[in-house]
mmCIF file of all heavy atoms, coordinates in Angstrom:
data_MODEL
# 
_entry.id   MODEL 
# 
loop_
_atom_site.group_PDB 
_atom_site.id 
_atom_site.type_symbol 
_atom_site.label_atom_id 
_atom_site.label_alt_id 
_atom_site.label_comp_id 
_atom_site.label_asym_id 
_atom_site.label_entity_id 
_atom_site.label_seq_id 
_atom_site.pdbx_PDB_ins_code 
_atom_site.Cartn_x 
_atom_site.Cartn_y 
_atom_site.Cartn_z 
_atom_site.occupancy 
_atom_site.B_iso_or_equiv 
_atom_site.pdbx_formal_charge 
_atom_site.auth_seq_id 
_atom_site.auth_comp_id 
_atom_site.auth_asym_id 
_atom_site.auth_atom_id 
_atom_site.pdbx_PDB_model_num 
ATOM 1   N N   . ASP A 1 1  ? 0.825  -1.206  0.000   1.00 0.00 ? 1  ASP A N   1 
ATOM 2   C CA  . ASP A 1 1  ? 0.000  0.000   0.000   1.00 0.00 ? 1  ASP A CA  1 
ATOM 3   C C   . ASP A 1 1  ? 0.862  1.260   0.000   1.00 0.00 ? 1  ASP A C   1 
ATOM 4   O O   . ASP A 1 1  ? 0.409  2.317   0.345   1.00 0.00 ? 1  ASP A O   1 
ATOM 5   C CB  . ASP A 1 1  ? -0.915 -0.035  1.229   1.00 0.00 ? 1  ASP A CB  1 
ATOM 6   C CG  . ASP A 1 1  ? -1.984 1.037   1.192   1.00 0.00 ? 1  ASP A CG  1 
ATOM 7   O OD1 . ASP A 1 1  ? -2.393 1.430   0.080   1.00 0.00 ? 1  ASP A OD1 1 
ATOM 8   O OD2 . ASP A 1 1  ? -2.408 1.490   2.261   1.00 0.00 ? 1  ASP A OD2 1 
ATOM 9   N N   . THR A 1 2  ? 2.143  1.126   -0.386  1.00 0.00 ? 2  THR A N   1 
ATOM 10  C CA  . THR A 1 2  ? 3.014  2.298   -0.403  1.00 0.00 ? 2  THR A CA  1 
ATOM 11  C C   . THR A 1 2  ? 2.893  2.991   -1.738  1.00 0.00 ? 2  THR A C   1 
ATOM 12  O O   . THR A 1 2  ? 2.200  2.532   -2.626  1.00 0.00 ? 2  THR A O   1 
ATOM 13  C CB  . THR A 1 2  ? 4.487  1.884   -0.159  1.00 0.00 ? 2  THR A CB  1 
ATOM 14  O OG1 . THR A 1 2  ? 4.880  1.026   -1.225  1.00 0.00 ? 2  THR A OG1 1 
ATOM 15  C CG2 . THR A 1 2  ? 4.661  1.220   1.182   1.00 0.00 ? 2  THR A CG2 1 
ATOM 16  N N   . GLY A 1 3  ? 3.593  4.054   -1.925  1.00 0.00 ? 3  GLY A N   1 
ATOM 17  C CA  . GLY A 1 3  ? 3.529  4.816   -3.154  1.00 0.00 ? 3  GLY A CA  1 
ATOM 18  C C   . GLY A 1 3  ? 4.240  4.157   -4.326  1.00 0.00 ? 3  GLY A C   1 
ATOM 19  O O   . GLY A 1 3  ? 4.218  4.665   -5.428  1.00 0.00 ? 3  GLY A O   1 
ATOM 20  N N   . SER A 1 4  ? 4.887  3.026   -4.100  1.00 0.00 ? 4  SER A N   1 
ATOM 21  C CA  . SER A 1 4  ? 5.616  2.387   -5.186  1.00 0.00 ? 4  SER A CA  1 
ATOM 22  C C   . SER A 1 4  ? 4.660  1.792   -6.209  1.00 0.00 ? 4  SER A C   1 
ATOM 23  O O   . SER A 1 4  ? 3.513  1.517   -5.925  1.00 0.00 ? 4  SER A O   1 
ATOM 24  C CB  . SER A 1 4  ? 6.529  1.280   -4.623  1.00 0.00 ? 4  SER A CB  1 
ATOM 25  O OG  . SER A 1 4  ? 5.755  0.201   -4.162  1.00 0.00 ? 4  SER A OG  1 
ATOM 26  N N   . THR A 1 5  ? 5.168  1.593   -7.407  1.00 0.00 ? 5  THR A N   1 
ATOM 27  C CA  . THR A 1 5  ? 4.337  1.040   -8.470  1.00 0.00 ? 5  THR A CA  1 
ATOM 28  C C   . THR A 1 5  ? 4.266  -0.480  -8.394  1.00 0.00 ? 5  THR A C   1 
ATOM 29  O O   . THR A 1 5  ? 3.371  -1.073  -8.951  1.00 0.00 ? 5  THR A O   1 
ATOM 30  C CB  . THR A 1 5  ? 4.873  1.450   -9.856  1.00 0.00 ? 5  THR A CB  1 
ATOM 31  O OG1 . THR A 1 5  ? 6.220  1.013   -9.967  1.00 0.00 ? 5  THR A OG1 1 
ATOM 32  C CG2 . THR A 1 5  ? 4.773  2.956   -10.054 1.00 0.00 ? 5  THR A CG2 1 
ATOM 33  N N   . ALA A 1 6  ? 5.209  -1.118  -7.724  1.00 0.00 ? 6  ALA A N   1 
ATOM 34  C CA  . ALA A 1 6  ? 5.207  -2.573  -7.627  1.00 0.00 ? 6  ALA A CA  1 
ATOM 35  C C   . ALA A 1 6  ? 4.263  -3.017  -6.518  1.00 0.00 ? 6  ALA A C   1 
ATOM 36  O O   . ALA A 1 6  ? 4.308  -2.536  -5.402  1.00 0.00 ? 6  ALA A O   1 
ATOM 37  C CB  . ALA A 1 6  ? 6.619  -3.074  -7.330  1.00 0.00 ? 6  ALA A CB  1 
ATOM 38  N N   . SER A 1 7  ? 3.399  -3.922  -6.875  1.00 0.00 ? 7  SER A N   1 
ATOM 39  C CA  . SER A 1 7  ? 2.471  -4.486  -5.911  1.00 0.00 ? 7  SER A CA  1 
ATOM 40  C C   . SER A 1 7  ? 2.295  -5.957  -6.237  1.00 0.00 ? 7  SER A C   1 
ATOM 41  O O   . SER A 1 7  ? 2.018  -6.310  -7.369  1.00 0.00 ? 7  SER A O   1 
ATOM 42  C CB  . SER A 1 7  ? 1.126  -3.761  -5.983  1.00 0.00 ? 7  SER A CB  1 
ATOM 43  O OG  . SER A 1 7  ? 0.214  -4.359  -5.094  1.00 0.00 ? 7  SER A OG  1 
ATOM 44  N N   . GLU A 1 8  ? 2.495  -6.796  -5.250  1.00 0.00 ? 8  GLU A N   1 
ATOM 45  C CA  . GLU A 1 8  ? 2.377  -8.222  -5.472  1.00 0.00 ? 8  GLU A CA  1 
ATOM 46  C C   . GLU A 1 8  ? 1.303  -8.773  -4.569  1.00 0.00 ? 8  GLU A C   1 
ATOM 47  O O   . GLU A 1 8  ? 1.098  -8.301  -3.464  1.00 0.00 ? 8  GLU A O   1 
ATOM 48  C CB  . GLU A 1 8  ? 3.699  -8.910  -5.174  1.00 0.00 ? 8  GLU A CB  1 
ATOM 49  C CG  . GLU A 1 8  ? 4.814  -8.370  -6.017  1.00 0.00 ? 8  GLU A CG  1 
ATOM 50  C CD  . GLU A 1 8  ? 5.556  -9.450  -6.744  1.00 0.00 ? 8  GLU A CD  1 
ATOM 51  O OE1 . GLU A 1 8  ? 5.172  -10.623 -6.636  1.00 0.00 ? 8  GLU A OE1 1 
ATOM 52  O OE2 . GLU A 1 8  ? 6.508  -9.098  -7.418  1.00 0.00 ? 8  GLU A OE2 1 
ATOM 53  N N   . GLU A 1 9  ? 0.633  -9.787  -5.066  1.00 0.00 ? 9  GLU A N   1 
ATOM 54  C CA  . GLU A 1 9  ? -0.441 -10.388 -4.297  1.00 0.00 ? 9  GLU A CA  1 
ATOM 55  C C   . GLU A 1 9  ? -0.263 -11.896 -4.309  1.00 0.00 ? 9  GLU A C   1 
ATOM 56  O O   . GLU A 1 9  ? -0.013 -12.497 -5.344  1.00 0.00 ? 9  GLU A O   1 
ATOM 57  C CB  . GLU A 1 9  ? -1.777 -10.020 -4.932  1.00 0.00 ? 9  GLU A CB  1 
ATOM 58  C CG  . GLU A 1 9  ? -2.952 -10.324 -4.046  1.00 0.00 ? 9  GLU A CG  1 
ATOM 59  C CD  . GLU A 1 9  ? -4.231 -9.738  -4.591  1.00 0.00 ? 9  GLU A CD  1 
ATOM 60  O OE1 . GLU A 1 9  ? -4.184 -8.606  -5.121  1.00 0.00 ? 9  GLU A OE1 1 
ATOM 61  O OE2 . GLU A 1 9  ? -5.248 -10.406 -4.477  1.00 0.00 ? 9  GLU A OE2 1 
ATOM 62  N N   . LEU A 1 10 ? -0.343 -12.485 -3.142  1.00 0.00 ? 10 LEU A N   1 
ATOM 63  C CA  . LEU A 1 10 ? -0.287 -13.923 -2.994  1.00 0.00 ? 10 LEU A CA  1 
ATOM 64  C C   . LEU A 1 10 ? -1.690 -14.375 -2.636  1.00 0.00 ? 10 LEU A C   1 
ATOM 65  O O   . LEU A 1 10 ? -2.202 -14.005 -1.585  1.00 0.00 ? 10 LEU A O   1 
ATOM 66  C CB  . LEU A 1 10 ? 0.709  -14.298 -1.892  1.00 0.00 ? 10 LEU A CB  1 
ATOM 67  C CG  . LEU A 1 10 ? 0.756  -15.754 -1.462  1.00 0.00 ? 10 LEU A CG  1 
ATOM 68  C CD1 . LEU A 1 10 ? 1.257  -16.615 -2.611  1.00 0.00 ? 10 LEU A CD1 1 
ATOM 69  C CD2 . LEU A 1 10 ? 1.651  -15.907 -0.262  1.00 0.00 ? 10 LEU A CD2 1 
ATOM 70  N N   . LYS A 1 11 ? -2.306 -15.116 -3.510  1.00 0.00 ? 11 LYS A N   1 
ATOM 71  C CA  . LYS A 1 11 ? -3.680 -15.551 -3.272  1.00 0.00 ? 11 LYS A CA  1 
ATOM 72  C C   . LYS A 1 11 ? -3.662 -16.941 -2.656  1.00 0.00 ? 11 LYS A C   1 
ATOM 73  O O   . LYS A 1 11 ? -3.097 -17.869 -3.225  1.00 0.00 ? 11 LYS A O   1 
ATOM 74  C CB  . LYS A 1 11 ? -4.464 -15.563 -4.567  1.00 0.00 ? 11 LYS A CB  1 
ATOM 75  C CG  . LYS A 1 11 ? -4.618 -14.190 -5.137  1.00 0.00 ? 11 LYS A CG  1 
ATOM 76  C CD  . LYS A 1 11 ? -5.924 -14.060 -5.828  1.00 0.00 ? 11 LYS A CD  1 
ATOM 77  C CE  . LYS A 1 11 ? -6.000 -12.636 -6.344  1.00 0.00 ? 11 LYS A CE  1 
ATOM 78  N NZ  . LYS A 1 11 ? -7.262 -12.083 -6.300  1.00 0.00 ? 11 LYS A NZ  1 
ATOM 79  N N   . THR A 1 12 ? -4.260 -17.056 -1.508  1.00 0.00 ? 12 THR A N   1 
ATOM 80  C CA  . THR A 1 12 ? -4.412 -18.331 -0.839  1.00 0.00 ? 12 THR A CA  1 
ATOM 81  C C   . THR A 1 12 ? -5.632 -18.244 0.067   1.00 0.00 ? 12 THR A C   1 
ATOM 82  O O   . THR A 1 12 ? -5.988 -17.171 0.530   1.00 0.00 ? 12 THR A O   1 
ATOM 83  C CB  . THR A 1 12 ? -3.149 -18.728 -0.050  1.00 0.00 ? 12 THR A CB  1 
ATOM 84  O OG1 . THR A 1 12 ? -3.361 -20.003 0.540   1.00 0.00 ? 12 THR A OG1 1 
ATOM 85  C CG2 . THR A 1 12 ? -2.802 -17.727 1.020   1.00 0.00 ? 12 THR A CG2 1 
ATOM 86  N N   . ALA A 1 13 ? -6.250 -19.338 0.295   1.00 0.00 ? 13 ALA A N   1 
ATOM 87  C CA  . ALA A 1 13 ? -7.481 -19.358 1.072   1.00 0.00 ? 13 ALA A CA  1 
ATOM 88  C C   . ALA A 1 13 ? -7.222 -19.250 2.573   1.00 0.00 ? 13 ALA A C   1 
ATOM 89  O O   . ALA A 1 13 ? -8.057 -18.728 3.303   1.00 0.00 ? 13 ALA A O   1 
ATOM 90  C CB  . ALA A 1 13 ? -8.272 -20.628 0.769   1.00 0.00 ? 13 ALA A CB  1 
ATOM 91  N N   . LYS A 1 14 ? -6.073 -19.718 3.015   1.00 0.00 ? 14 LYS A N   1 
ATOM 92  C CA  . LYS A 1 14 ? -5.841 -19.794 4.463   1.00 0.00 ? 14 LYS A CA  1 
ATOM 93  C C   . LYS A 1 14 ? -4.419 -19.405 4.847   1.00 0.00 ? 14 LYS A C   1 
ATOM 94  O O   . LYS A 1 14 ? -3.480 -19.627 4.082   1.00 0.00 ? 14 LYS A O   1 
ATOM 95  C CB  . LYS A 1 14 ? -6.092 -21.225 4.934   1.00 0.00 ? 14 LYS A CB  1 
ATOM 96  C CG  . LYS A 1 14 ? -7.477 -21.720 4.667   1.00 0.00 ? 14 LYS A CG  1 
ATOM 97  C CD  . LYS A 1 14 ? -7.608 -23.150 5.110   1.00 0.00 ? 14 LYS A CD  1 
ATOM 98  C CE  . LYS A 1 14 ? -9.004 -23.645 4.799   1.00 0.00 ? 14 LYS A CE  1 
ATOM 99  N NZ  . LYS A 1 14 ? -9.201 -25.016 5.218   1.00 0.00 ? 14 LYS A NZ  1 
ATOM 100 N N   . LEU A 1 15 ? -4.297 -18.876 6.059   1.00 0.00 ? 15 LEU A N   1 
ATOM 101 C CA  . LEU A 1 15 ? -2.965 -18.560 6.578   1.00 0.00 ? 15 LEU A CA  1 
ATOM 102 C C   . LEU A 1 15 ? -2.157 -19.829 6.815   1.00 0.00 ? 15 LEU A C   1 
ATOM 103 O O   . LEU A 1 15 ? -0.930 -19.788 6.789   1.00 0.00 ? 15 LEU A O   1 
ATOM 104 C CB  . LEU A 1 15 ? -3.069 -17.768 7.880   1.00 0.00 ? 15 LEU A CB  1 
ATOM 105 C CG  . LEU A 1 15 ? -3.294 -16.271 7.745   1.00 0.00 ? 15 LEU A CG  1 
ATOM 106 C CD1 . LEU A 1 15 ? -3.367 -15.617 9.121   1.00 0.00 ? 15 LEU A CD1 1 
ATOM 107 C CD2 . LEU A 1 15 ? -2.227 -15.605 6.916   1.00 0.00 ? 15 LEU A CD2 1 
ATOM 108 N N   . THR A 1 16 ? -2.839 -20.936 7.035   1.00 0.00 ? 16 THR A N   1 
ATOM 109 C CA  . THR A 1 16 ? -2.109 -22.196 7.211   1.00 0.00 ? 16 THR A CA  1 
ATOM 110 C C   . THR A 1 16 ? -1.311 -22.526 5.957   1.00 0.00 ? 16 THR A C   1 
ATOM 111 O O   . THR A 1 16 ? -0.191 -23.032 6.040   1.00 0.00 ? 16 THR A O   1 
ATOM 112 C CB  . THR A 1 16 ? -3.068 -23.359 7.549   1.00 0.00 ? 16 THR A CB  1 
ATOM 113 O OG1 . THR A 1 16 ? -4.107 -23.404 6.576   1.00 0.00 ? 16 THR A OG1 1 
ATOM 114 C CG2 . THR A 1 16 ? -3.653 -23.214 8.930   1.00 0.00 ? 16 THR A CG2 1 
ATOM 115 N N   . GLU A 1 17 ? -1.867 -22.210 4.776   1.00 0.00 ? 17 GLU A N   1 
ATOM 116 C CA  . GLU A 1 17 ? -1.151 -22.436 3.520   1.00 0.00 ? 17 GLU A CA  1 
ATOM 117 C C   . GLU A 1 17 ? 0.050  -21.504 3.404   1.00 0.00 ? 17 GLU A C   1 
ATOM 118 O O   . GLU A 1 17 ? 1.110  -21.919 2.934   1.00 0.00 ? 17 GLU A O   1 
ATOM 119 C CB  . GLU A 1 17 ? -2.082 -22.247 2.325   1.00 0.00 ? 17 GLU A CB  1 
ATOM 120 C CG  . GLU A 1 17 ? -3.160 -23.292 2.248   1.00 0.00 ? 17 GLU A CG  1 
ATOM 121 C CD  . GLU A 1 17 ? -4.165 -23.021 1.137   1.00 0.00 ? 17 GLU A CD  1 
ATOM 122 O OE1 . GLU A 1 17 ? -3.992 -22.031 0.387   1.00 0.00 ? 17 GLU A OE1 1 
ATOM 123 O OE2 . GLU A 1 17 ? -5.123 -23.794 1.037   1.00 0.00 ? 17 GLU A OE2 1 
ATOM 124 N N   . VAL A 1 18 ? -0.114 -20.265 3.824   1.00 0.00 ? 18 VAL A N   1 
ATOM 125 C CA  . VAL A 1 18 ? 1.002  -19.308 3.793   1.00 0.00 ? 18 VAL A CA  1 
ATOM 126 C C   . VAL A 1 18 ? 2.104  -19.786 4.734   1.00 0.00 ? 18 VAL A C   1 
ATOM 127 O O   . VAL A 1 18 ? 3.283  -19.782 4.373   1.00 0.00 ? 18 VAL A O   1 
ATOM 128 C CB  . VAL A 1 18 ? 0.542  -17.886 4.183   1.00 0.00 ? 18 VAL A CB  1 
ATOM 129 C CG1 . VAL A 1 18 ? 1.727  -16.933 4.274   1.00 0.00 ? 18 VAL A CG1 1 
ATOM 130 C CG2 . VAL A 1 18 ? -0.486 -17.367 3.191   1.00 0.00 ? 18 VAL A CG2 1 
ATOM 131 N N   . ALA A 1 19 ? 1.732  -20.215 5.937   1.00 0.00 ? 19 ALA A N   1 
ATOM 132 C CA  . ALA A 1 19 ? 2.707  -20.715 6.905   1.00 0.00 ? 19 ALA A CA  1 
ATOM 133 C C   . ALA A 1 19 ? 3.473  -21.899 6.323   1.00 0.00 ? 19 ALA A C   1 
ATOM 134 O O   . ALA A 1 19 ? 4.698  -21.991 6.454   1.00 0.00 ? 19 ALA A O   1 
ATOM 135 C CB  . ALA A 1 19 ? 2.013  -21.118 8.203   1.00 0.00 ? 19 ALA A CB  1 
ATOM 136 N N   . GLU A 1 20 ? 2.766  -22.781 5.656   1.00 0.00 ? 20 GLU A N   1 
ATOM 137 C CA  . GLU A 1 20 ? 3.395  -23.939 5.032   1.00 0.00 ? 20 GLU A CA  1 
ATOM 138 C C   . GLU A 1 20 ? 4.391  -23.500 3.960   1.00 0.00 ? 20 GLU A C   1 
ATOM 139 O O   . GLU A 1 20 ? 5.501  -24.029 3.880   1.00 0.00 ? 20 GLU A O   1 
ATOM 140 C CB  . GLU A 1 20 ? 2.311  -24.811 4.410   1.00 0.00 ? 20 GLU A CB  1 
ATOM 141 C CG  . GLU A 1 20 ? 2.688  -26.259 4.270   1.00 0.00 ? 20 GLU A CG  1 
ATOM 142 C CD  . GLU A 1 20 ? 1.496  -27.092 3.860   1.00 0.00 ? 20 GLU A CD  1 
ATOM 143 O OE1 . GLU A 1 20 ? 0.585  -27.279 4.681   1.00 0.00 ? 20 GLU A OE1 1 
ATOM 144 O OE2 . GLU A 1 20 ? 1.495  -27.536 2.703   1.00 0.00 ? 20 GLU A OE2 1 
ATOM 145 N N   . LEU A 1 21 ? 4.011  -22.531 3.129   1.00 0.00 ? 21 LEU A N   1 
ATOM 146 C CA  . LEU A 1 21 ? 4.906  -22.016 2.092   1.00 0.00 ? 21 LEU A CA  1 
ATOM 147 C C   . LEU A 1 21 ? 6.169  -21.394 2.684   1.00 0.00 ? 21 LEU A C   1 
ATOM 148 O O   . LEU A 1 21 ? 7.244  -21.463 2.100   1.00 0.00 ? 21 LEU A O   1 
ATOM 149 C CB  . LEU A 1 21 ? 4.190  -20.969 1.234   1.00 0.00 ? 21 LEU A CB  1 
ATOM 150 C CG  . LEU A 1 21 ? 3.133  -21.484 0.270   1.00 0.00 ? 21 LEU A CG  1 
ATOM 151 C CD1 . LEU A 1 21 ? 2.321  -20.321 -0.299  1.00 0.00 ? 21 LEU A CD1 1 
ATOM 152 C CD2 . LEU A 1 21 ? 3.778  -22.276 -0.848  1.00 0.00 ? 21 LEU A CD2 1 
ATOM 153 N N   . LEU A 1 22 ? 6.011  -20.767 3.854   1.00 0.00 ? 22 LEU A N   1 
ATOM 154 C CA  . LEU A 1 22 ? 7.138  -20.101 4.511   1.00 0.00 ? 22 LEU A CA  1 
ATOM 155 C C   . LEU A 1 22 ? 7.962  -21.043 5.385   1.00 0.00 ? 22 LEU A C   1 
ATOM 156 O O   . LEU A 1 22 ? 9.018  -20.667 5.876   1.00 0.00 ? 22 LEU A O   1 
ATOM 157 C CB  . LEU A 1 22 ? 6.632  -18.940 5.373   1.00 0.00 ? 22 LEU A CB  1 
ATOM 158 C CG  . LEU A 1 22 ? 5.992  -17.779 4.623   1.00 0.00 ? 22 LEU A CG  1 
ATOM 159 C CD1 . LEU A 1 22 ? 5.378  -16.793 5.597   1.00 0.00 ? 22 LEU A CD1 1 
ATOM 160 C CD2 . LEU A 1 22 ? 6.996  -17.102 3.714   1.00 0.00 ? 22 LEU A CD2 1 
ATOM 161 N N   . GLY A 1 23 ? 7.450  -22.242 5.605   1.00 0.00 ? 23 GLY A N   1 
ATOM 162 C CA  . GLY A 1 23 ? 8.169  -23.205 6.437   1.00 0.00 ? 23 GLY A CA  1 
ATOM 163 C C   . GLY A 1 23 ? 8.076  -22.906 7.916   1.00 0.00 ? 23 GLY A C   1 
ATOM 164 O O   . GLY A 1 23 ? 9.022  -23.129 8.666   1.00 0.00 ? 23 GLY A O   1 
ATOM 165 N N   . THR A 1 24 ? 6.931  -22.393 8.348   1.00 0.00 ? 24 THR A N   1 
ATOM 166 C CA  . THR A 1 24 ? 6.716  -22.086 9.762   1.00 0.00 ? 24 THR A CA  1 
ATOM 167 C C   . THR A 1 24 ? 5.345  -22.600 10.182  1.00 0.00 ? 24 THR A C   1 
ATOM 168 O O   . THR A 1 24 ? 4.582  -23.083 9.364   1.00 0.00 ? 24 THR A O   1 
ATOM 169 C CB  . THR A 1 24 ? 6.862  -20.569 10.023  1.00 0.00 ? 24 THR A CB  1 
ATOM 170 O OG1 . THR A 1 24 ? 6.921  -20.344 11.428  1.00 0.00 ? 24 THR A OG1 1 
ATOM 171 C CG2 . THR A 1 24 ? 5.729  -19.769 9.417   1.00 0.00 ? 24 THR A CG2 1 
ATOM 172 N N   . SER A 1 25 ? 5.045  -22.475 11.450  1.00 0.00 ? 25 SER A N   1 
ATOM 173 C CA  . SER A 1 25 ? 3.738  -22.925 11.922  1.00 0.00 ? 25 SER A CA  1 
ATOM 174 C C   . SER A 1 25 ? 2.711  -21.804 11.787  1.00 0.00 ? 25 SER A C   1 
ATOM 175 O O   . SER A 1 25 ? 3.051  -20.619 11.776  1.00 0.00 ? 25 SER A O   1 
ATOM 176 C CB  . SER A 1 25 ? 3.824  -23.353 13.392  1.00 0.00 ? 25 SER A CB  1 
ATOM 177 O OG  . SER A 1 25 ? 4.023  -22.222 14.220  1.00 0.00 ? 25 SER A OG  1 
ATOM 178 N N   . TYR A 1 26 ? 1.464  -22.195 11.683  1.00 0.00 ? 26 TYR A N   1 
ATOM 179 C CA  . TYR A 1 26 ? 0.370  -21.226 11.623  1.00 0.00 ? 26 TYR A CA  1 
ATOM 180 C C   . TYR A 1 26 ? 0.380  -20.360 12.871  1.00 0.00 ? 26 TYR A C   1 
ATOM 181 O O   . TYR A 1 26 ? 0.208  -19.148 12.808  1.00 0.00 ? 26 TYR A O   1 
ATOM 182 C CB  . TYR A 1 26 ? -0.973 -21.946 11.492  1.00 0.00 ? 26 TYR A CB  1 
ATOM 183 C CG  . TYR A 1 26 ? -2.140 -21.040 11.793  1.00 0.00 ? 26 TYR A CG  1 
ATOM 184 C CD1 . TYR A 1 26 ? -2.571 -20.111 10.852  1.00 0.00 ? 26 TYR A CD1 1 
ATOM 185 C CD2 . TYR A 1 26 ? -2.787 -21.080 13.023  1.00 0.00 ? 26 TYR A CD2 1 
ATOM 186 C CE1 . TYR A 1 26 ? -3.623 -19.255 11.122  1.00 0.00 ? 26 TYR A CE1 1 
ATOM 187 C CE2 . TYR A 1 26 ? -3.834 -20.230 13.297  1.00 0.00 ? 26 TYR A CE2 1 
ATOM 188 C CZ  . TYR A 1 26 ? -4.244 -19.332 12.347  1.00 0.00 ? 26 TYR A CZ  1 
ATOM 189 O OH  . TYR A 1 26 ? -5.278 -18.472 12.625  1.00 0.00 ? 26 TYR A OH  1 
ATOM 190 N N   . ARG A 1 27 ? 0.605  -20.988 14.009  1.00 0.00 ? 27 ARG A N   1 
ATOM 191 C CA  . ARG A 1 27 ? 0.599  -20.281 15.291  1.00 0.00 ? 27 ARG A CA  1 
ATOM 192 C C   . ARG A 1 27 ? 1.649  -19.163 15.308  1.00 0.00 ? 27 ARG A C   1 
ATOM 193 O O   . ARG A 1 27 ? 1.376  -18.044 15.734  1.00 0.00 ? 27 ARG A O   1 
ATOM 194 C CB  . ARG A 1 27 ? 0.865  -21.290 16.401  1.00 0.00 ? 27 ARG A CB  1 
ATOM 195 C CG  . ARG A 1 27 ? 0.570  -20.814 17.766  1.00 0.00 ? 27 ARG A CG  1 
ATOM 196 C CD  . ARG A 1 27 ? 0.846  -21.927 18.738  1.00 0.00 ? 27 ARG A CD  1 
ATOM 197 N NE  . ARG A 1 27 ? -0.369 -22.211 19.474  1.00 0.00 ? 27 ARG A NE  1 
ATOM 198 C CZ  . ARG A 1 27 ? -0.503 -23.197 20.313  1.00 0.00 ? 27 ARG A CZ  1 
ATOM 199 N NH1 . ARG A 1 27 ? 0.482  -24.042 20.492  1.00 0.00 ? 27 ARG A NH1 1 
ATOM 200 N NH2 . ARG A 1 27 ? -1.627 -23.354 20.966  1.00 0.00 ? 27 ARG A NH2 1 
# 
């Protein structure tokens, strides 16, 4: 949400999936 022109979006249904992608726990 900054003034930069680059904006990336990671679409996933759950934070558990994001945690898995990052190699960490949901908690």
